[in-house]
Amino acid sequence: MERDLSLNNENETLTFARMEDFNKKEPSYIMTIELERGKSDIIQIHLDSSPDELAFEFCKKNHLNLKAMQFLSSEIEKLIVKITIQCKKS
């Protein structure tokens, strides 16, 4: 069964660290996605992550459709850009 995906960005908070901290194995950002009422999952994002690969794996794991994968990939790419810009300002 495939489902559509929606992200609620109203409560989204980005936390940034110094650029050298991103060389560690810890993710740069952890995105929490509500799949349905009471059920959510996370995506760990690193600056060198491939948005398409992360979205594909997440959607495959959670039985989401291609439309959801394309949307999620786009959102991940936007986050990586925001994080990179913010890190360069620090």
PDB file of N, CA and C in Angstrom:
ATOM      1  N   MET A   1       0.834  -1.175   0.000  1.00  0.00           N
ATOM      2  CA  MET A   1       0.000   0.000   0.000  1.00  0.00           C
ATOM      3  C   MET A   1       0.884   1.246   0.000  1.00  0.00           C
ATOM      4  N   GLU A   2       0.710   2.122  -0.945  1.00  0.00           N
ATOM      5  CA  GLU A   2       1.482   3.353  -1.007  1.00  0.00           C
ATOM      6  C   GLU A   2       0.669   4.493  -0.424  1.00  0.00           C
ATOM      7  N   ARG A   3       1.383   5.420   0.239  1.00  0.00           N
ATOM      8  CA  ARG A   3       0.722   6.565   0.846  1.00  0.00           C
ATOM      9  C   ARG A   3       1.406   7.831   0.387  1.00  0.00           C
ATOM     10  N   ASP A   4       0.656   8.926   0.435  1.00  0.00           N
ATOM     11  CA  ASP A   4       1.243  10.234   0.190  1.00  0.00           C
ATOM     12  C   ASP A   4       1.934  10.704   1.453  1.00  0.00           C
ATOM     13  N   LEU A   5       2.846  11.633   1.302  1.00  0.00           N
ATOM     14  CA  LEU A   5       3.625  12.157   2.415  1.00  0.00           C
ATOM     15  C   LEU A   5       3.375  13.637   2.544  1.00  0.00           C
ATOM     16  N   SER A   6       3.188  14.104   3.751  1.00  0.00           N
ATOM     17  CA  SER A   6       3.090  15.545   3.965  1.00  0.00           C
ATOM     18  C   SER A   6       4.010  15.931   5.107  1.00  0.00           C
ATOM     19  N   LEU A   7       4.660  17.073   4.964  1.00  0.00           N
ATOM     20  CA  LEU A   7       5.549  17.582   5.995  1.00  0.00           C
ATOM     21  C   LEU A   7       4.912  18.798   6.635  1.00  0.00           C
ATOM     22  N   ASN A   8       5.015  18.883   7.928  1.00  0.00           N
ATOM     23  CA  ASN A   8       4.517  20.047   8.649  1.00  0.00           C
ATOM     24  C   ASN A   8       5.723  20.881   9.033  1.00  0.00           C
ATOM     25  N   ASN A   9       5.940  21.985   8.335  1.00  0.00           N
ATOM     26  CA  ASN A   9       7.108  22.822   8.573  1.00  0.00           C
ATOM     27  C   ASN A   9       6.870  23.902   9.612  1.00  0.00           C
ATOM     28  N   GLU A  10       5.668  23.998  10.177  1.00  0.00           N
ATOM     29  CA  GLU A  10       5.360  25.050  11.133  1.00  0.00           C
ATOM     30  C   GLU A  10       6.245  24.980  12.368  1.00  0.00           C
ATOM     31  N   ASN A  11       6.560  23.780  12.812  1.00  0.00           N
ATOM     32  CA  ASN A  11       7.328  23.611  14.036  1.00  0.00           C
ATOM     33  C   ASN A  11       8.779  23.240  13.755  1.00  0.00           C
ATOM     34  N   GLU A  12       9.215  23.413  12.531  1.00  0.00           N
ATOM     35  CA  GLU A  12      10.570  23.021  12.149  1.00  0.00           C
ATOM     36  C   GLU A  12      11.598  23.971  12.769  1.00  0.00           C
ATOM     37  N   THR A  13      12.600  23.392  13.369  1.00  0.00           N
ATOM     38  CA  THR A  13      13.676  24.165  13.956  1.00  0.00           C
ATOM     39  C   THR A  13      14.997  23.626  13.450  1.00  0.00           C
ATOM     40  N   LEU A  14      15.821  24.498  12.921  1.00  0.00           N
ATOM     41  CA  LEU A  14      17.141  24.086  12.470  1.00  0.00           C
ATOM     42  C   LEU A  14      18.166  24.484  13.523  1.00  0.00           C
ATOM     43  N   THR A  15      19.033  23.571  13.859  1.00  0.00           N
ATOM     44  CA  THR A  15      20.112  23.852  14.788  1.00  0.00           C
ATOM     45  C   THR A  15      21.412  23.650  14.033  1.00  0.00           C
ATOM     46  N   PHE A  16      22.275  24.642  14.101  1.00  0.00           N
ATOM     47  CA  PHE A  16      23.510  24.590  13.330  1.00  0.00           C
ATOM     48  C   PHE A  16      24.720  24.509  14.253  1.00  0.00           C
ATOM     49  N   ALA A  17      25.768  23.923  13.721  1.00  0.00           N
ATOM     50  CA  ALA A  17      27.034  23.816  14.441  1.00  0.00           C
ATOM     51  C   ALA A  17      28.130  24.379  13.559  1.00  0.00           C
ATOM     52  N   ARG A  18      29.338  24.431  14.102  1.00  0.00           N
ATOM     53  CA  ARG A  18      30.462  24.907  13.294  1.00  0.00           C
ATOM     54  C   ARG A  18      30.733  23.920  12.161  1.00  0.00           C
ATOM     55  N   MET A  19      31.292  24.423  11.055  1.00  0.00           N
ATOM     56  CA  MET A  19      31.525  23.600   9.869  1.00  0.00           C
ATOM     57  C   MET A  19      32.388  22.382  10.190  1.00  0.00           C
ATOM     58  N   GLU A  20      33.399  22.532  11.039  1.00  0.00           N
ATOM     59  CA  GLU A  20      34.271  21.392  11.335  1.00  0.00           C
ATOM     60  C   GLU A  20      33.524  20.287  12.070  1.00  0.00           C
ATOM     61  N   ASP A  21      32.420  20.627  12.743  1.00  0.00           N
ATOM     62  CA  ASP A  21      31.631  19.614  13.430  1.00  0.00           C
ATOM     63  C   ASP A  21      30.911  18.691  12.448  1.00  0.00           C
ATOM     64  N   PHE A  22      30.728  19.130  11.219  1.00  0.00           N
ATOM     65  CA  PHE A  22      30.025  18.314  10.243  1.00  0.00           C
ATOM     66  C   PHE A  22      30.886  17.198   9.660  1.00  0.00           C
ATOM     67  N   ASN A  23      32.163  17.215   9.944  1.00  0.00           N
ATOM     68  CA  ASN A  23      33.035  16.146   9.475  1.00  0.00           C
ATOM     69  C   ASN A  23      32.879  14.887  10.305  1.00  0.00           C
ATOM     70  N   LYS A  24      32.201  14.968  11.441  1.00  0.00           N
ATOM     71  CA  LYS A  24      31.966  13.821  12.303  1.00  0.00           C
ATOM     72  C   LYS A  24      30.864  12.948  11.706  1.00  0.00           C
ATOM     73  N   LYS A  25      30.708  11.758  12.267  1.00  0.00           N
ATOM     74  CA  LYS A  25      29.723  10.815  11.741  1.00  0.00           C
ATOM     75  C   LYS A  25      28.289  11.176  12.125  1.00  0.00           C
ATOM     76  N   GLU A  26      28.112  12.074  13.072  1.00  0.00           N
ATOM     77  CA  GLU A  26      26.763  12.437  13.485  1.00  0.00           C
ATOM     78  C   GLU A  26      26.079  13.232  12.370  1.00  0.00           C
ATOM     79  N   PRO A  27      24.763  13.074  12.241  1.00  0.00           N
ATOM     80  CA  PRO A  27      24.062  13.808  11.184  1.00  0.00           C
ATOM     81  C   PRO A  27      24.060  15.313  11.438  1.00  0.00           C
ATOM     82  N   SER A  28      23.982  16.063  10.359  1.00  0.00           N
ATOM     83  CA  SER A  28      23.891  17.515  10.441  1.00  0.00           C
ATOM     84  C   SER A  28      22.483  17.934  10.864  1.00  0.00           C
ATOM     85  N   TYR A  29      21.514  17.123  10.515  1.00  0.00           N
ATOM     86  CA  TYR A  29      20.120  17.441  10.810  1.00  0.00           C
ATOM     87  C   TYR A  29      19.338  16.138  10.855  1.00  0.00           C
ATOM     88  N   ILE A  30      18.411  16.057  11.760  1.00  0.00           N
ATOM     89  CA  ILE A  30      17.514  14.900  11.812  1.00  0.00           C
ATOM     90  C   ILE A  30      16.118  15.404  11.508  1.00  0.00           C
ATOM     91  N   MET A  31      15.573  14.925  10.417  1.00  0.00           N
ATOM     92  CA  MET A  31      14.239  15.326   9.979  1.00  0.00           C
ATOM     93  C   MET A  31      13.239  14.280  10.492  1.00  0.00           C
ATOM     94  N   THR A  32      12.229  14.741  11.206  1.00  0.00           N
ATOM     95  CA  THR A  32      11.169  13.860  11.680  1.00  0.00           C
ATOM     96  C   THR A  32       9.957  14.061  10.781  1.00  0.00           C
ATOM     97  N   ILE A  33       9.429  12.972  10.284  1.00  0.00           N
ATOM     98  CA  ILE A  33       8.295  13.031   9.362  1.00  0.00           C
ATOM     99  C   ILE A  33       7.141  12.239   9.942  1.00  0.00           C
ATOM    100  N   GLU A  34       6.010  12.940  10.078  1.00  0.00           N
ATOM    101  CA  GLU A  34       4.803  12.280  10.548  1.00  0.00           C
ATOM    102  C   GLU A  34       4.160  11.580   9.353  1.00  0.00           C
ATOM    103  N   LEU A  35       4.030  10.269   9.463  1.00  0.00           N
ATOM    104  CA  LEU A  35       3.490   9.473   8.372  1.00  0.00           C
ATOM    105  C   LEU A  35       1.965   9.386   8.449  1.00  0.00           C
ATOM    106  N   GLU A  36       1.477   9.233   9.622  1.00  0.00           N
ATOM    107  CA  GLU A  36       0.043   9.196   9.889  1.00  0.00           C
ATOM    108  C   GLU A  36      -0.108   9.479  11.370  1.00  0.00           C
ATOM    109  N   ARG A  37      -1.304   9.701  11.807  1.00  0.00           N
ATOM    110  CA  ARG A  37      -1.523  10.050  13.217  1.00  0.00           C
ATOM    111  C   ARG A  37      -0.874   9.007  14.129  1.00  0.00           C
ATOM    112  N   GLY A  38       0.043   9.486  14.956  1.00  0.00           N
ATOM    113  CA  GLY A  38       0.691   8.613  15.930  1.00  0.00           C
ATOM    114  C   GLY A  38       1.880   7.834  15.415  1.00  0.00           C
ATOM    115  N   LYS A  39       2.218   7.976  14.140  1.00  0.00           N
ATOM    116  CA  LYS A  39       3.348   7.235  13.583  1.00  0.00           C
ATOM    117  C   LYS A  39       4.260   8.202  12.840  1.00  0.00           C
ATOM    118  N   SER A  40       5.532   8.172  13.198  1.00  0.00           N
ATOM    119  CA  SER A  40       6.508   9.020  12.514  1.00  0.00           C
ATOM    120  C   SER A  40       7.804   8.236  12.338  1.00  0.00           C
ATOM    121  N   ASP A  41       8.691   8.794  11.540  1.00  0.00           N
ATOM    122  CA  ASP A  41      10.005   8.192  11.289  1.00  0.00           C
ATOM    123  C   ASP A  41      10.980   9.333  11.050  1.00  0.00           C
ATOM    124  N   ILE A  42      12.257   9.037  11.131  1.00  0.00           N
ATOM    125  CA  ILE A  42      13.272  10.076  10.957  1.00  0.00           C
ATOM    126  C   ILE A  42      14.154   9.793   9.750  1.00  0.00           C
ATOM    127  N   ILE A  43      14.766  10.868   9.267  1.00  0.00           N
ATOM    128  CA  ILE A  43      15.802  10.772   8.237  1.00  0.00           C
ATOM    129  C   ILE A  43      17.003  11.528   8.782  1.00  0.00           C
ATOM    130  N   GLN A  44      18.147  10.863   8.839  1.00  0.00           N
ATOM    131  CA  GLN A  44      19.376  11.509   9.275  1.00  0.00           C
ATOM    132  C   GLN A  44      20.065  12.099   8.045  1.00  0.00           C
ATOM    133  N   ILE A  45      20.282  13.415   8.084  1.00  0.00           N
ATOM    134  CA  ILE A  45      20.842  14.119   6.934  1.00  0.00           C
ATOM    135  C   ILE A  45      22.245  14.613   7.242  1.00  0.00           C
ATOM    136  N   HIS A  46      23.167  14.296   6.365  1.00  0.00           N
ATOM    137  CA  HIS A  46      24.538  14.799   6.431  1.00  0.00           C
ATOM    138  C   HIS A  46      24.724  15.776   5.273  1.00  0.00           C
ATOM    139  N   LEU A  47      25.689  16.667   5.396  1.00  0.00           N
ATOM    140  CA  LEU A  47      25.917  17.640   4.322  1.00  0.00           C
ATOM    141  C   LEU A  47      26.240  16.973   2.992  1.00  0.00           C
ATOM    142  N   ASP A  48      26.862  15.810   3.039  1.00  0.00           N
ATOM    143  CA  ASP A  48      27.222  15.123   1.799  1.00  0.00           C
ATOM    144  C   ASP A  48      26.181  14.077   1.387  1.00  0.00           C
ATOM    145  N   SER A  49      25.011  14.111   2.027  1.00  0.00           N
ATOM    146  CA  SER A  49      23.948  13.165   1.690  1.00  0.00           C
ATOM    147  C   SER A  49      23.391  13.435   0.300  1.00  0.00           C
ATOM    148  N   SER A  50      22.938  12.385  -0.328  1.00  0.00           N
ATOM    149  CA  SER A  50      22.227  12.517  -1.598  1.00  0.00           C
ATOM    150  C   SER A  50      20.732  12.585  -1.286  1.00  0.00           C
ATOM    151  N   PRO A  51      20.093  13.727  -1.566  1.00  0.00           N
ATOM    152  CA  PRO A  51      18.659  13.841  -1.284  1.00  0.00           C
ATOM    153  C   PRO A  51      17.829  12.732  -1.946  1.00  0.00           C
ATOM    154  N   ASP A  52      18.169  12.385  -3.179  1.00  0.00           N
ATOM    155  CA  ASP A  52      17.423  11.342  -3.891  1.00  0.00           C
ATOM    156  C   ASP A  52      17.563   9.985  -3.213  1.00  0.00           C
ATOM    157  N   GLU A  53      18.767   9.652  -2.781  1.00  0.00           N
ATOM    158  CA  GLU A  53      18.985   8.365  -2.124  1.00  0.00           C
ATOM    159  C   GLU A  53      18.273   8.301  -0.775  1.00  0.00           C
ATOM    160  N   LEU A  54      18.362   9.383   0.008  1.00  0.00           N
ATOM    161  CA  LEU A  54      17.682   9.404   1.301  1.00  0.00           C
ATOM    162  C   LEU A  54      16.172   9.276   1.125  1.00  0.00           C
ATOM    163  N   ALA A  55      15.632  10.026   0.182  1.00  0.00           N
ATOM    164  CA  ALA A  55      14.191   9.985  -0.069  1.00  0.00           C
ATOM    165  C   ALA A  55      13.762   8.604  -0.551  1.00  0.00           C
ATOM    166  N   PHE A  56      14.543   8.013  -1.446  1.00  0.00           N
ATOM    167  CA  PHE A  56      14.218   6.685  -1.968  1.00  0.00           C
ATOM    168  C   PHE A  56      14.177   5.656  -0.847  1.00  0.00           C
ATOM    169  N   GLU A  57      15.220   5.631  -0.018  1.00  0.00           N
ATOM    170  CA  GLU A  57      15.291   4.652   1.065  1.00  0.00           C
ATOM    171  C   GLU A  57      14.160   4.851   2.069  1.00  0.00           C
ATOM    172  N   PHE A  58      13.859   6.109   2.403  1.00  0.00           N
ATOM    173  CA  PHE A  58      12.785   6.398   3.347  1.00  0.00           C
ATOM    174  C   PHE A  58      11.448   5.943   2.781  1.00  0.00           C
ATOM    175  N   CYS A  59      11.181   6.278   1.546  1.00  0.00           N
ATOM    176  CA  CYS A  59       9.901   5.919   0.926  1.00  0.00           C
ATOM    177  C   CYS A  59       9.766   4.412   0.741  1.00  0.00           C
ATOM    178  N   LYS A  60      10.849   3.769   0.409  1.00  0.00           N
ATOM    179  CA  LYS A  60      10.843   2.299   0.268  1.00  0.00           C
ATOM    180  C   LYS A  60      10.518   1.662   1.621  1.00  0.00           C
ATOM    181  N   LYS A  61      11.177   2.131   2.658  1.00  0.00           N
ATOM    182  CA  LYS A  61      10.985   1.590   4.015  1.00  0.00           C
ATOM    183  C   LYS A  61       9.553   1.802   4.500  1.00  0.00           C
ATOM    184  N   ASN A  62       8.958   2.943   4.146  1.00  0.00           N
ATOM    185  CA  ASN A  62       7.633   3.305   4.657  1.00  0.00           C
ATOM    186  C   ASN A  62       6.508   3.137   3.638  1.00  0.00           C
ATOM    187  N   HIS A  63       6.805   2.479   2.512  1.00  0.00           N
ATOM    188  CA  HIS A  63       5.802   2.171   1.482  1.00  0.00           C
ATOM    189  C   HIS A  63       5.099   3.428   0.961  1.00  0.00           C
ATOM    190  N   LEU A  64       5.901   4.452   0.662  1.00  0.00           N
ATOM    191  CA  LEU A  64       5.366   5.704   0.122  1.00  0.00           C
ATOM    192  C   LEU A  64       5.541   5.726  -1.393  1.00  0.00           C
ATOM    193  N   ASN A  65       4.745   6.512  -2.074  1.00  0.00           N
ATOM    194  CA  ASN A  65       4.739   6.516  -3.535  1.00  0.00           C
ATOM    195  C   ASN A  65       5.795   7.455  -4.127  1.00  0.00           C
ATOM    196  N   LEU A  66       5.896   7.451  -5.451  1.00  0.00           N
ATOM    197  CA  LEU A  66       6.885   8.249  -6.177  1.00  0.00           C
ATOM    198  C   LEU A  66       6.685   9.741  -5.956  1.00  0.00           C
ATOM    199  N   LYS A  67       5.442  10.180  -5.891  1.00  0.00           N
ATOM    200  CA  LYS A  67       5.155  11.596  -5.646  1.00  0.00           C
ATOM    201  C   LYS A  67       5.738  12.022  -4.292  1.00  0.00           C
ATOM    202  N   ALA A  68       5.580  11.181  -3.297  1.00  0.00           N
ATOM    203  CA  ALA A  68       6.137  11.465  -1.968  1.00  0.00           C
ATOM    204  C   ALA A  68       7.662  11.511  -2.026  1.00  0.00           C
ATOM    205  N   MET A  69       8.253  10.598  -2.771  1.00  0.00           N
ATOM    206  CA  MET A  69       9.709  10.555  -2.888  1.00  0.00           C
ATOM    207  C   MET A  69      10.249  11.832  -3.525  1.00  0.00           C
ATOM    208  N   GLN A  70       9.614  12.301  -4.573  1.00  0.00           N
ATOM    209  CA  GLN A  70      10.057  13.524  -5.243  1.00  0.00           C
ATOM    210  C   GLN A  70       9.935  14.734  -4.319  1.00  0.00           C
ATOM    211  N   PHE A  71       8.834  14.829  -3.597  1.00  0.00           N
ATOM    212  CA  PHE A  71       8.616  15.920  -2.660  1.00  0.00           C
ATOM    213  C   PHE A  71       9.659  15.880  -1.545  1.00  0.00           C
ATOM    214  N   LEU A  72       9.870  14.714  -0.983  1.00  0.00           N
ATOM    215  CA  LEU A  72      10.813  14.554   0.118  1.00  0.00           C
ATOM    216  C   LEU A  72      12.235  14.875  -0.325  1.00  0.00           C
ATOM    217  N   SER A  73      12.634  14.430  -1.491  1.00  0.00           N
ATOM    218  CA  SER A  73      13.962  14.728  -2.027  1.00  0.00           C
ATOM    219  C   SER A  73      14.171  16.232  -2.151  1.00  0.00           C
ATOM    220  N   SER A  74      13.156  16.926  -2.632  1.00  0.00           N
ATOM    221  CA  SER A  74      13.222  18.378  -2.771  1.00  0.00           C
ATOM    222  C   SER A  74      13.369  19.060  -1.410  1.00  0.00           C
ATOM    223  N   GLU A  75      12.622  18.607  -0.418  1.00  0.00           N
ATOM    224  CA  GLU A  75      12.702  19.178   0.931  1.00  0.00           C
ATOM    225  C   GLU A  75      14.070  18.929   1.562  1.00  0.00           C
ATOM    226  N   ILE A  76      14.618  17.746   1.361  1.00  0.00           N
ATOM    227  CA  ILE A  76      15.945  17.422   1.895  1.00  0.00           C
ATOM    228  C   ILE A  76      16.991  18.311   1.246  1.00  0.00           C
ATOM    229  N   GLU A  77      16.887  18.487  -0.063  1.00  0.00           N
ATOM    230  CA  GLU A  77      17.841  19.339  -0.775  1.00  0.00           C
ATOM    231  C   GLU A  77      17.796  20.778  -0.240  1.00  0.00           C
ATOM    232  N   LYS A  78      16.585  21.294   0.009  1.00  0.00           N
ATOM    233  CA  LYS A  78      16.445  22.642   0.566  1.00  0.00           C
ATOM    234  C   LYS A  78      17.110  22.742   1.945  1.00  0.00           C
ATOM    235  N   LEU A  79      16.928  21.722   2.764  1.00  0.00           N
ATOM    236  CA  LEU A  79      17.539  21.719   4.094  1.00  0.00           C
ATOM    237  C   LEU A  79      19.061  21.721   4.009  1.00  0.00           C
ATOM    238  N   ILE A  80      19.609  20.916   3.123  1.00  0.00           N
ATOM    239  CA  ILE A  80      21.067  20.858   2.967  1.00  0.00           C
ATOM    240  C   ILE A  80      21.606  22.220   2.541  1.00  0.00           C
ATOM    241  N   VAL A  81      20.908  22.891   1.640  1.00  0.00           N
ATOM    242  CA  VAL A  81      21.322  24.230   1.211  1.00  0.00           C
ATOM    243  C   VAL A  81      21.273  25.196   2.388  1.00  0.00           C
ATOM    244  N   LYS A  82      20.177  25.180   3.176  1.00  0.00           N
ATOM    245  CA  LYS A  82      20.060  26.065   4.342  1.00  0.00           C
ATOM    246  C   LYS A  82      21.199  25.822   5.335  1.00  0.00           C
ATOM    247  N   ILE A  83      21.456  24.566   5.621  1.00  0.00           N
ATOM    248  CA  ILE A  83      22.505  24.221   6.585  1.00  0.00           C
ATOM    249  C   ILE A  83      23.856  24.674   6.083  1.00  0.00           C
ATOM    250  N   THR A  84      24.141  24.440   4.809  1.00  0.00           N
ATOM    251  CA  THR A  84      25.430  24.827   4.224  1.00  0.00           C
ATOM    252  C   THR A  84      25.610  26.340   4.267  1.00  0.00           C
ATOM    253  N   ILE A  85      24.583  27.090   3.914  1.00  0.00           N
ATOM    254  CA  ILE A  85      24.663  28.560   3.942  1.00  0.00           C
ATOM    255  C   ILE A  85      24.888  29.044   5.366  1.00  0.00           C
ATOM    256  N   GLN A  86      24.139  28.493   6.300  1.00  0.00           N
ATOM    257  CA  GLN A  86      24.271  28.905   7.698  1.00  0.00           C
ATOM    258  C   GLN A  86      25.663  28.587   8.239  1.00  0.00           C
ATOM    259  N   CYS A  87      26.213  27.457   7.867  1.00  0.00           N
ATOM    260  CA  CYS A  87      27.551  27.063   8.330  1.00  0.00           C
ATOM    261  C   CYS A  87      28.619  28.003   7.782  1.00  0.00           C
ATOM    262  N   LYS A  88      28.446  28.439   6.562  1.00  0.00           N
ATOM    263  CA  LYS A  88      29.429  29.344   5.960  1.00  0.00           C
ATOM    264  C   LYS A  88      29.393  30.715   6.618  1.00  0.00           C
ATOM    265  N   LYS A  89      28.225  31.089   7.159  1.00  0.00           N
ATOM    266  CA  LYS A  89      28.087  32.365   7.851  1.00  0.00           C
ATOM    267  C   LYS A  89      28.721  32.317   9.237  1.00  0.00           C
ATOM    268  N   SER A  90      28.785  31.109   9.816  1.00  0.00           N
ATOM    269  CA  SER A  90      29.319  30.954  11.187  1.00  0.00           C
ATOM    270  C   SER A  90      30.815  31.137  11.261  1.00  0.00           C
TER     271      SER A  90
END
